[in-house]
């Protein structure tokens, strides 16, 4: 995990619909490790911190009067998470097996990247990729 005192890094916060209890997709699809979780009284997720190979991200339920929305709120996203891995096809296939929807199949592009895109069960888009040139 990056040392926040010496390194700059991004930690995206992904907003999900209220009432979600199962976030195991991220473990199954990307090998994410859950660091902590705060749950609501009904057992649903309030916020969780996870990491993929040391890269931190957070899941957070949508709060009333918040400026953030889940992808389902407007049937779209303003962000696609780029996930760099060694085995693009393996990770994309694992994500699909875990419940993701394939958006673009894995392909090598002339600009020097192997990429495939999936939408996770909560509506977030993941561009799984590797530099090949």
N, C-alpha and C. Protein backbone atom coordinates (compact mmCIF):
# COMPACT_ATOMS: atom_id res chain seq x y z
N UNK A 1 0.85 -1.18 0.00
CA UNK A 1 0.00 0.00 0.00
C UNK A 1 0.89 1.24 0.00
N UNK A 2 0.60 2.24 -0.82
CA UNK A 2 1.41 3.45 -0.85
C UNK A 2 1.44 4.15 0.50
N UNK A 3 2.54 4.78 0.78
CA UNK A 3 2.69 5.58 2.00
C UNK A 3 2.18 6.97 1.68
N UNK A 4 1.08 7.37 2.30
CA UNK A 4 0.44 8.64 1.96
C UNK A 4 1.30 9.85 2.29
N UNK A 5 2.34 9.68 3.09
CA UNK A 5 3.21 10.80 3.43
C UNK A 5 4.27 11.05 2.36
N UNK A 6 4.56 10.05 1.52
CA UNK A 6 5.64 10.22 0.56
C UNK A 6 5.24 9.98 -0.88
N UNK A 7 4.10 9.35 -1.13
CA UNK A 7 3.69 9.03 -2.49
C UNK A 7 2.32 9.62 -2.79
N UNK A 8 2.16 10.04 -4.03
CA UNK A 8 0.85 10.47 -4.50
C UNK A 8 0.17 9.27 -5.14
N UNK A 9 -1.09 9.06 -4.82
CA UNK A 9 -1.83 7.97 -5.45
C UNK A 9 -3.32 8.31 -5.45
N UNK A 10 -4.05 7.68 -6.35
CA UNK A 10 -5.49 7.86 -6.44
C UNK A 10 -6.18 6.77 -5.65
N UNK A 11 -7.27 7.11 -5.00
CA UNK A 11 -8.11 6.14 -4.31
C UNK A 11 -9.56 6.45 -4.67
N UNK A 12 -10.05 5.93 -5.79
CA UNK A 12 -11.41 6.25 -6.20
C UNK A 12 -12.45 5.77 -5.19
N UNK A 13 -13.51 6.53 -5.08
CA UNK A 13 -14.63 6.16 -4.24
C UNK A 13 -15.80 5.88 -5.17
N UNK A 14 -16.25 4.63 -5.18
CA UNK A 14 -17.31 4.20 -6.08
C UNK A 14 -18.62 4.18 -5.30
N UNK A 15 -19.61 4.91 -5.79
CA UNK A 15 -20.90 4.98 -5.11
C UNK A 15 -21.81 3.88 -5.61
N UNK A 16 -22.48 3.22 -4.65
CA UNK A 16 -23.38 2.12 -4.95
C UNK A 16 -24.75 2.42 -4.37
N UNK A 17 -25.74 1.75 -4.88
CA UNK A 17 -27.11 1.93 -4.39
C UNK A 17 -27.21 1.53 -2.93
N UNK A 18 -28.17 2.07 -2.25
CA UNK A 18 -28.42 1.74 -0.85
C UNK A 18 -28.93 0.31 -0.75
N UNK A 19 -28.63 -0.32 0.37
CA UNK A 19 -29.14 -1.66 0.64
C UNK A 19 -28.23 -2.80 0.22
N UNK A 20 -27.07 -2.52 -0.34
CA UNK A 20 -26.16 -3.56 -0.79
C UNK A 20 -25.49 -4.22 0.42
N UNK A 21 -25.50 -5.53 0.44
CA UNK A 21 -24.83 -6.26 1.52
C UNK A 21 -23.66 -7.08 1.00
N UNK A 22 -23.70 -7.50 -0.24
CA UNK A 22 -22.68 -8.39 -0.79
C UNK A 22 -21.79 -7.65 -1.79
N UNK A 23 -20.53 -7.46 -1.43
CA UNK A 23 -19.56 -6.82 -2.34
C UNK A 23 -18.46 -7.81 -2.71
N UNK A 24 -18.75 -9.11 -2.59
CA UNK A 24 -17.75 -10.14 -2.87
C UNK A 24 -17.33 -10.16 -4.34
N UNK A 25 -18.08 -9.51 -5.22
CA UNK A 25 -17.69 -9.43 -6.63
C UNK A 25 -16.25 -8.98 -6.77
N UNK A 26 -15.85 -7.98 -6.01
CA UNK A 26 -14.51 -7.39 -6.17
C UNK A 26 -13.41 -8.38 -5.77
N UNK A 27 -13.68 -9.21 -4.79
CA UNK A 27 -12.73 -10.25 -4.40
C UNK A 27 -12.66 -11.32 -5.48
N UNK A 28 -13.82 -11.78 -5.95
CA UNK A 28 -13.87 -12.83 -6.96
C UNK A 28 -13.30 -12.38 -8.29
N UNK A 29 -13.61 -11.16 -8.70
CA UNK A 29 -13.21 -10.67 -10.01
C UNK A 29 -11.78 -10.18 -10.06
N UNK A 30 -11.37 -9.42 -9.06
CA UNK A 30 -10.09 -8.72 -9.11
C UNK A 30 -9.13 -9.11 -7.99
N UNK A 31 -9.53 -10.05 -7.14
CA UNK A 31 -8.67 -10.42 -6.02
C UNK A 31 -8.56 -9.34 -4.96
N UNK A 32 -9.58 -8.48 -4.87
CA UNK A 32 -9.55 -7.38 -3.90
C UNK A 32 -9.55 -7.91 -2.48
N UNK A 33 -8.89 -7.16 -1.62
CA UNK A 33 -8.85 -7.44 -0.19
C UNK A 33 -9.63 -6.34 0.52
N UNK A 34 -10.54 -6.75 1.39
CA UNK A 34 -11.31 -5.77 2.16
C UNK A 34 -10.53 -5.40 3.41
N UNK A 35 -10.24 -4.11 3.59
CA UNK A 35 -9.50 -3.62 4.75
C UNK A 35 -10.42 -3.31 5.92
N UNK A 36 -11.53 -2.66 5.63
CA UNK A 36 -12.51 -2.39 6.67
C UNK A 36 -13.86 -2.14 6.03
N UNK A 37 -14.88 -2.23 6.87
CA UNK A 37 -16.26 -2.01 6.43
C UNK A 37 -17.04 -1.39 7.59
N UNK A 38 -17.85 -0.41 7.26
CA UNK A 38 -18.82 0.13 8.21
C UNK A 38 -20.19 -0.20 7.64
N UNK A 39 -20.99 -0.87 8.44
CA UNK A 39 -22.31 -1.30 8.00
C UNK A 39 -23.40 -0.48 8.70
N UNK A 40 -24.54 -0.41 8.04
CA UNK A 40 -25.72 0.22 8.62
C UNK A 40 -26.40 -0.76 9.57
N UNK A 41 -27.36 -0.29 10.33
CA UNK A 41 -28.07 -1.14 11.29
C UNK A 41 -28.71 -2.36 10.64
N UNK A 42 -29.11 -2.23 9.37
CA UNK A 42 -29.75 -3.36 8.68
C UNK A 42 -28.74 -4.32 8.05
N UNK A 43 -27.45 -4.07 8.25
CA UNK A 43 -26.40 -4.93 7.70
C UNK A 43 -25.92 -4.52 6.32
N UNK A 44 -26.57 -3.53 5.73
CA UNK A 44 -26.13 -3.08 4.41
C UNK A 44 -24.87 -2.23 4.53
N UNK A 45 -24.17 -2.12 3.43
CA UNK A 45 -22.90 -1.40 3.40
C UNK A 45 -23.09 0.11 3.51
N UNK A 46 -22.33 0.71 4.38
CA UNK A 46 -22.23 2.17 4.41
C UNK A 46 -20.97 2.58 3.64
N UNK A 47 -19.81 2.06 4.06
CA UNK A 47 -18.55 2.32 3.36
C UNK A 47 -17.60 1.16 3.61
N UNK A 48 -16.79 0.86 2.61
CA UNK A 48 -15.75 -0.17 2.74
C UNK A 48 -14.51 0.29 2.01
N UNK A 49 -13.36 -0.07 2.57
CA UNK A 49 -12.08 0.16 1.89
C UNK A 49 -11.55 -1.18 1.42
N UNK A 50 -11.17 -1.22 0.15
CA UNK A 50 -10.61 -2.42 -0.44
C UNK A 50 -9.33 -2.05 -1.18
N UNK A 51 -8.57 -3.06 -1.55
CA UNK A 51 -7.40 -2.81 -2.39
C UNK A 51 -7.21 -3.96 -3.36
N UNK A 52 -6.64 -3.63 -4.50
CA UNK A 52 -6.26 -4.60 -5.51
C UNK A 52 -4.76 -4.45 -5.70
N UNK A 53 -4.01 -5.45 -5.30
CA UNK A 53 -2.54 -5.40 -5.36
C UNK A 53 -2.00 -4.10 -4.77
N UNK A 54 -2.57 -3.65 -3.67
CA UNK A 54 -2.10 -2.45 -2.99
C UNK A 54 -2.76 -1.16 -3.43
N UNK A 55 -3.52 -1.18 -4.52
CA UNK A 55 -4.22 0.02 -5.00
C UNK A 55 -5.56 0.13 -4.27
N UNK A 56 -5.70 1.17 -3.47
CA UNK A 56 -6.87 1.36 -2.62
C UNK A 56 -8.04 1.95 -3.41
N UNK A 57 -9.25 1.47 -3.08
CA UNK A 57 -10.47 2.13 -3.53
C UNK A 57 -11.52 1.93 -2.45
N UNK A 58 -12.57 2.74 -2.52
CA UNK A 58 -13.64 2.68 -1.53
C UNK A 58 -14.97 2.46 -2.23
N UNK A 59 -15.86 1.78 -1.53
CA UNK A 59 -17.26 1.67 -1.93
C UNK A 59 -18.06 2.44 -0.89
N UNK A 60 -19.03 3.20 -1.34
CA UNK A 60 -19.82 4.02 -0.41
C UNK A 60 -21.26 4.03 -0.90
N UNK A 61 -22.18 3.86 0.03
CA UNK A 61 -23.59 3.96 -0.35
C UNK A 61 -23.92 5.42 -0.65
N UNK A 62 -24.91 5.62 -1.48
CA UNK A 62 -25.37 6.97 -1.80
C UNK A 62 -26.07 7.54 -0.56
N UNK A 63 -25.70 8.76 -0.23
CA UNK A 63 -26.26 9.43 0.95
C UNK A 63 -27.32 10.44 0.51
N UNK A 64 -28.34 10.68 1.35
CA UNK A 64 -29.35 11.69 1.00
C UNK A 64 -28.70 13.07 0.85
N UNK A 65 -29.17 13.84 -0.09
CA UNK A 65 -28.68 15.19 -0.34
C UNK A 65 -27.19 15.22 -0.68
N UNK A 66 -26.72 14.16 -1.30
CA UNK A 66 -25.31 14.05 -1.68
C UNK A 66 -25.14 14.51 -3.13
N UNK A 67 -23.95 14.88 -3.47
CA UNK A 67 -23.65 15.27 -4.86
C UNK A 67 -23.18 14.10 -5.70
N UNK A 68 -23.14 12.91 -5.10
CA UNK A 68 -22.66 11.73 -5.79
C UNK A 68 -23.82 10.77 -6.02
N UNK A 69 -23.74 10.02 -7.12
CA UNK A 69 -24.83 9.13 -7.52
C UNK A 69 -24.26 7.76 -7.90
N UNK A 70 -25.07 6.74 -7.75
CA UNK A 70 -24.68 5.44 -8.27
C UNK A 70 -24.89 5.48 -9.79
N UNK A 71 -24.21 4.63 -10.54
CA UNK A 71 -24.41 4.62 -12.00
C UNK A 71 -25.87 4.41 -12.41
N UNK A 72 -26.62 3.65 -11.62
CA UNK A 72 -28.02 3.38 -11.96
C UNK A 72 -28.89 4.64 -11.90
N UNK A 73 -28.48 5.62 -11.12
CA UNK A 73 -29.30 6.83 -10.95
C UNK A 73 -29.51 7.57 -12.26
N UNK A 74 -28.52 7.54 -13.15
CA UNK A 74 -28.62 8.26 -14.42
C UNK A 74 -28.30 7.37 -15.61
N UNK A 75 -28.28 6.06 -15.36
CA UNK A 75 -28.00 5.08 -16.42
C UNK A 75 -26.70 5.39 -17.15
N UNK A 76 -25.64 5.69 -16.38
CA UNK A 76 -24.35 5.97 -16.99
C UNK A 76 -23.31 6.33 -15.96
N UNK A 77 -22.13 6.63 -16.45
CA UNK A 77 -20.98 6.98 -15.61
C UNK A 77 -20.25 8.16 -16.19
N UNK A 78 -19.50 8.82 -15.36
CA UNK A 78 -18.59 9.85 -15.86
C UNK A 78 -17.14 9.38 -15.76
N UNK A 79 -16.92 8.18 -15.21
CA UNK A 79 -15.56 7.67 -15.00
C UNK A 79 -15.51 6.20 -15.38
N UNK A 80 -14.41 5.80 -15.96
CA UNK A 80 -14.10 4.39 -16.20
C UNK A 80 -12.80 4.11 -15.45
N UNK A 81 -12.80 3.08 -14.61
CA UNK A 81 -11.62 2.76 -13.82
C UNK A 81 -10.67 1.94 -14.69
N UNK A 82 -9.46 2.44 -14.87
CA UNK A 82 -8.43 1.71 -15.60
C UNK A 82 -7.66 0.82 -14.63
N UNK A 83 -7.67 -0.49 -14.88
CA UNK A 83 -6.99 -1.45 -14.02
C UNK A 83 -5.90 -2.13 -14.84
N UNK A 84 -4.65 -1.85 -14.52
CA UNK A 84 -3.52 -2.44 -15.24
C UNK A 84 -3.13 -3.76 -14.58
N UNK A 85 -3.07 -4.82 -15.37
CA UNK A 85 -2.76 -6.15 -14.88
C UNK A 85 -1.86 -6.86 -15.90
N UNK A 86 -1.25 -7.95 -15.49
CA UNK A 86 -0.42 -8.73 -16.41
C UNK A 86 -1.25 -9.60 -17.34
N UNK A 87 -2.32 -10.19 -16.84
CA UNK A 87 -3.15 -11.13 -17.61
C UNK A 87 -4.53 -10.52 -17.86
N UNK A 88 -4.64 -9.70 -18.89
CA UNK A 88 -5.88 -8.98 -19.18
C UNK A 88 -7.03 -9.95 -19.41
N UNK A 89 -6.85 -10.93 -20.29
CA UNK A 89 -7.93 -11.86 -20.60
C UNK A 89 -8.35 -12.66 -19.37
N UNK A 90 -7.39 -13.07 -18.56
CA UNK A 90 -7.70 -13.82 -17.35
C UNK A 90 -8.54 -13.02 -16.38
N UNK A 91 -8.19 -11.75 -16.17
CA UNK A 91 -8.94 -10.90 -15.24
C UNK A 91 -10.32 -10.59 -15.80
N UNK A 92 -10.42 -10.29 -17.09
CA UNK A 92 -11.73 -10.02 -17.70
C UNK A 92 -12.62 -11.25 -17.57
N UNK A 93 -12.10 -12.42 -17.86
CA UNK A 93 -12.90 -13.64 -17.76
C UNK A 93 -13.33 -13.92 -16.33
N UNK A 94 -12.43 -13.69 -15.38
CA UNK A 94 -12.77 -13.88 -13.97
C UNK A 94 -13.87 -12.90 -13.54
N UNK A 95 -13.78 -11.65 -14.02
CA UNK A 95 -14.80 -10.65 -13.71
C UNK A 95 -16.16 -11.07 -14.28
N UNK A 96 -16.17 -11.56 -15.49
CA UNK A 96 -17.43 -12.01 -16.10
C UNK A 96 -17.99 -13.20 -15.33
N UNK A 97 -17.14 -14.14 -14.96
CA UNK A 97 -17.59 -15.28 -14.16
C UNK A 97 -18.15 -14.85 -12.82
N UNK A 98 -17.63 -13.74 -12.28
CA UNK A 98 -18.08 -13.24 -10.97
C UNK A 98 -19.34 -12.38 -11.07
N UNK A 99 -19.80 -12.07 -12.29
CA UNK A 99 -21.04 -11.32 -12.44
C UNK A 99 -20.96 -10.05 -13.25
N UNK A 100 -19.78 -9.72 -13.79
CA UNK A 100 -19.64 -8.53 -14.63
C UNK A 100 -20.25 -8.79 -16.01
N UNK A 101 -20.54 -7.72 -16.71
CA UNK A 101 -21.03 -7.78 -18.08
C UNK A 101 -19.91 -7.30 -19.00
N UNK A 102 -19.63 -8.08 -20.03
CA UNK A 102 -18.59 -7.67 -20.99
C UNK A 102 -19.13 -6.51 -21.82
N UNK A 103 -18.33 -5.45 -21.90
CA UNK A 103 -18.67 -4.29 -22.72
C UNK A 103 -17.85 -4.34 -24.01
N UNK A 104 -16.54 -4.54 -23.89
CA UNK A 104 -15.65 -4.72 -25.04
C UNK A 104 -14.78 -5.94 -24.78
N UNK A 105 -14.68 -6.84 -25.76
CA UNK A 105 -13.81 -8.01 -25.57
C UNK A 105 -12.34 -7.59 -25.54
N UNK A 106 -11.52 -8.46 -25.00
CA UNK A 106 -10.07 -8.19 -24.95
C UNK A 106 -9.53 -8.15 -26.38
N UNK A 107 -8.76 -7.09 -26.63
CA UNK A 107 -8.21 -6.88 -27.97
C UNK A 107 -6.91 -6.10 -27.84
N UNK A 108 -5.99 -6.34 -28.78
CA UNK A 108 -4.76 -5.55 -28.86
C UNK A 108 -5.01 -4.37 -29.79
N UNK A 109 -4.60 -3.18 -29.35
CA UNK A 109 -4.84 -1.96 -30.13
C UNK A 109 -3.53 -1.39 -30.65
N UNK A 110 -3.64 -0.69 -31.77
CA UNK A 110 -2.46 -0.14 -32.45
C UNK A 110 -1.72 0.89 -31.60
N UNK A 111 -2.35 1.44 -30.60
CA UNK A 111 -1.69 2.42 -29.74
C UNK A 111 -0.90 1.77 -28.61
N UNK A 112 -0.80 0.44 -28.64
CA UNK A 112 0.09 -0.25 -27.73
C UNK A 112 -0.51 -0.78 -26.44
N UNK A 113 -1.81 -0.99 -26.43
CA UNK A 113 -2.47 -1.53 -25.24
C UNK A 113 -3.29 -2.76 -25.59
N UNK A 114 -3.32 -3.72 -24.69
CA UNK A 114 -4.29 -4.82 -24.72
C UNK A 114 -5.36 -4.41 -23.71
N UNK A 115 -6.63 -4.39 -24.16
CA UNK A 115 -7.70 -3.89 -23.29
C UNK A 115 -8.98 -4.70 -23.48
N UNK A 116 -9.73 -4.78 -22.40
CA UNK A 116 -11.07 -5.32 -22.41
C UNK A 116 -11.86 -4.57 -21.35
N UNK A 117 -13.14 -4.32 -21.59
CA UNK A 117 -13.94 -3.53 -20.65
C UNK A 117 -15.11 -4.35 -20.14
N UNK A 118 -15.36 -4.22 -18.82
CA UNK A 118 -16.51 -4.86 -18.19
C UNK A 118 -17.26 -3.83 -17.35
N UNK A 119 -18.55 -4.12 -17.12
CA UNK A 119 -19.36 -3.33 -16.19
C UNK A 119 -19.63 -4.22 -14.99
N UNK A 120 -19.29 -3.73 -13.81
CA UNK A 120 -19.48 -4.55 -12.61
C UNK A 120 -20.97 -4.59 -12.23
N UNK A 121 -21.36 -5.45 -11.31
CA UNK A 121 -22.78 -5.58 -10.97
C UNK A 121 -23.41 -4.31 -10.41
N UNK A 122 -22.60 -3.33 -10.02
CA UNK A 122 -23.13 -2.08 -9.47
C UNK A 122 -23.15 -0.96 -10.51
N UNK A 123 -22.72 -1.28 -11.74
CA UNK A 123 -22.79 -0.33 -12.85
C UNK A 123 -21.50 0.40 -13.18
N UNK A 124 -20.42 0.13 -12.45
CA UNK A 124 -19.14 0.80 -12.71
C UNK A 124 -18.39 0.09 -13.85
N UNK A 125 -17.76 0.90 -14.71
CA UNK A 125 -17.01 0.36 -15.83
C UNK A 125 -15.53 0.23 -15.46
N UNK A 126 -14.95 -0.91 -15.86
CA UNK A 126 -13.54 -1.22 -15.59
C UNK A 126 -12.86 -1.52 -16.93
N UNK A 127 -11.85 -0.73 -17.27
CA UNK A 127 -11.02 -0.97 -18.45
C UNK A 127 -9.82 -1.76 -17.97
N UNK A 128 -9.84 -3.07 -18.19
CA UNK A 128 -8.73 -3.93 -17.78
C UNK A 128 -7.71 -3.88 -18.91
N UNK A 129 -6.45 -3.59 -18.56
CA UNK A 129 -5.50 -3.30 -19.63
C UNK A 129 -4.06 -3.61 -19.26
N UNK A 130 -3.25 -3.61 -20.32
CA UNK A 130 -1.80 -3.83 -20.18
C UNK A 130 -1.13 -3.14 -21.35
N UNK A 131 -0.02 -2.47 -21.06
CA UNK A 131 0.79 -1.88 -22.12
C UNK A 131 1.56 -3.00 -22.80
N UNK A 132 1.48 -3.08 -24.13
CA UNK A 132 2.16 -4.16 -24.85
C UNK A 132 3.27 -3.67 -25.77
N UNK A 133 3.46 -2.40 -25.89
CA UNK A 133 4.56 -1.85 -26.70
C UNK A 133 5.52 -1.07 -25.84
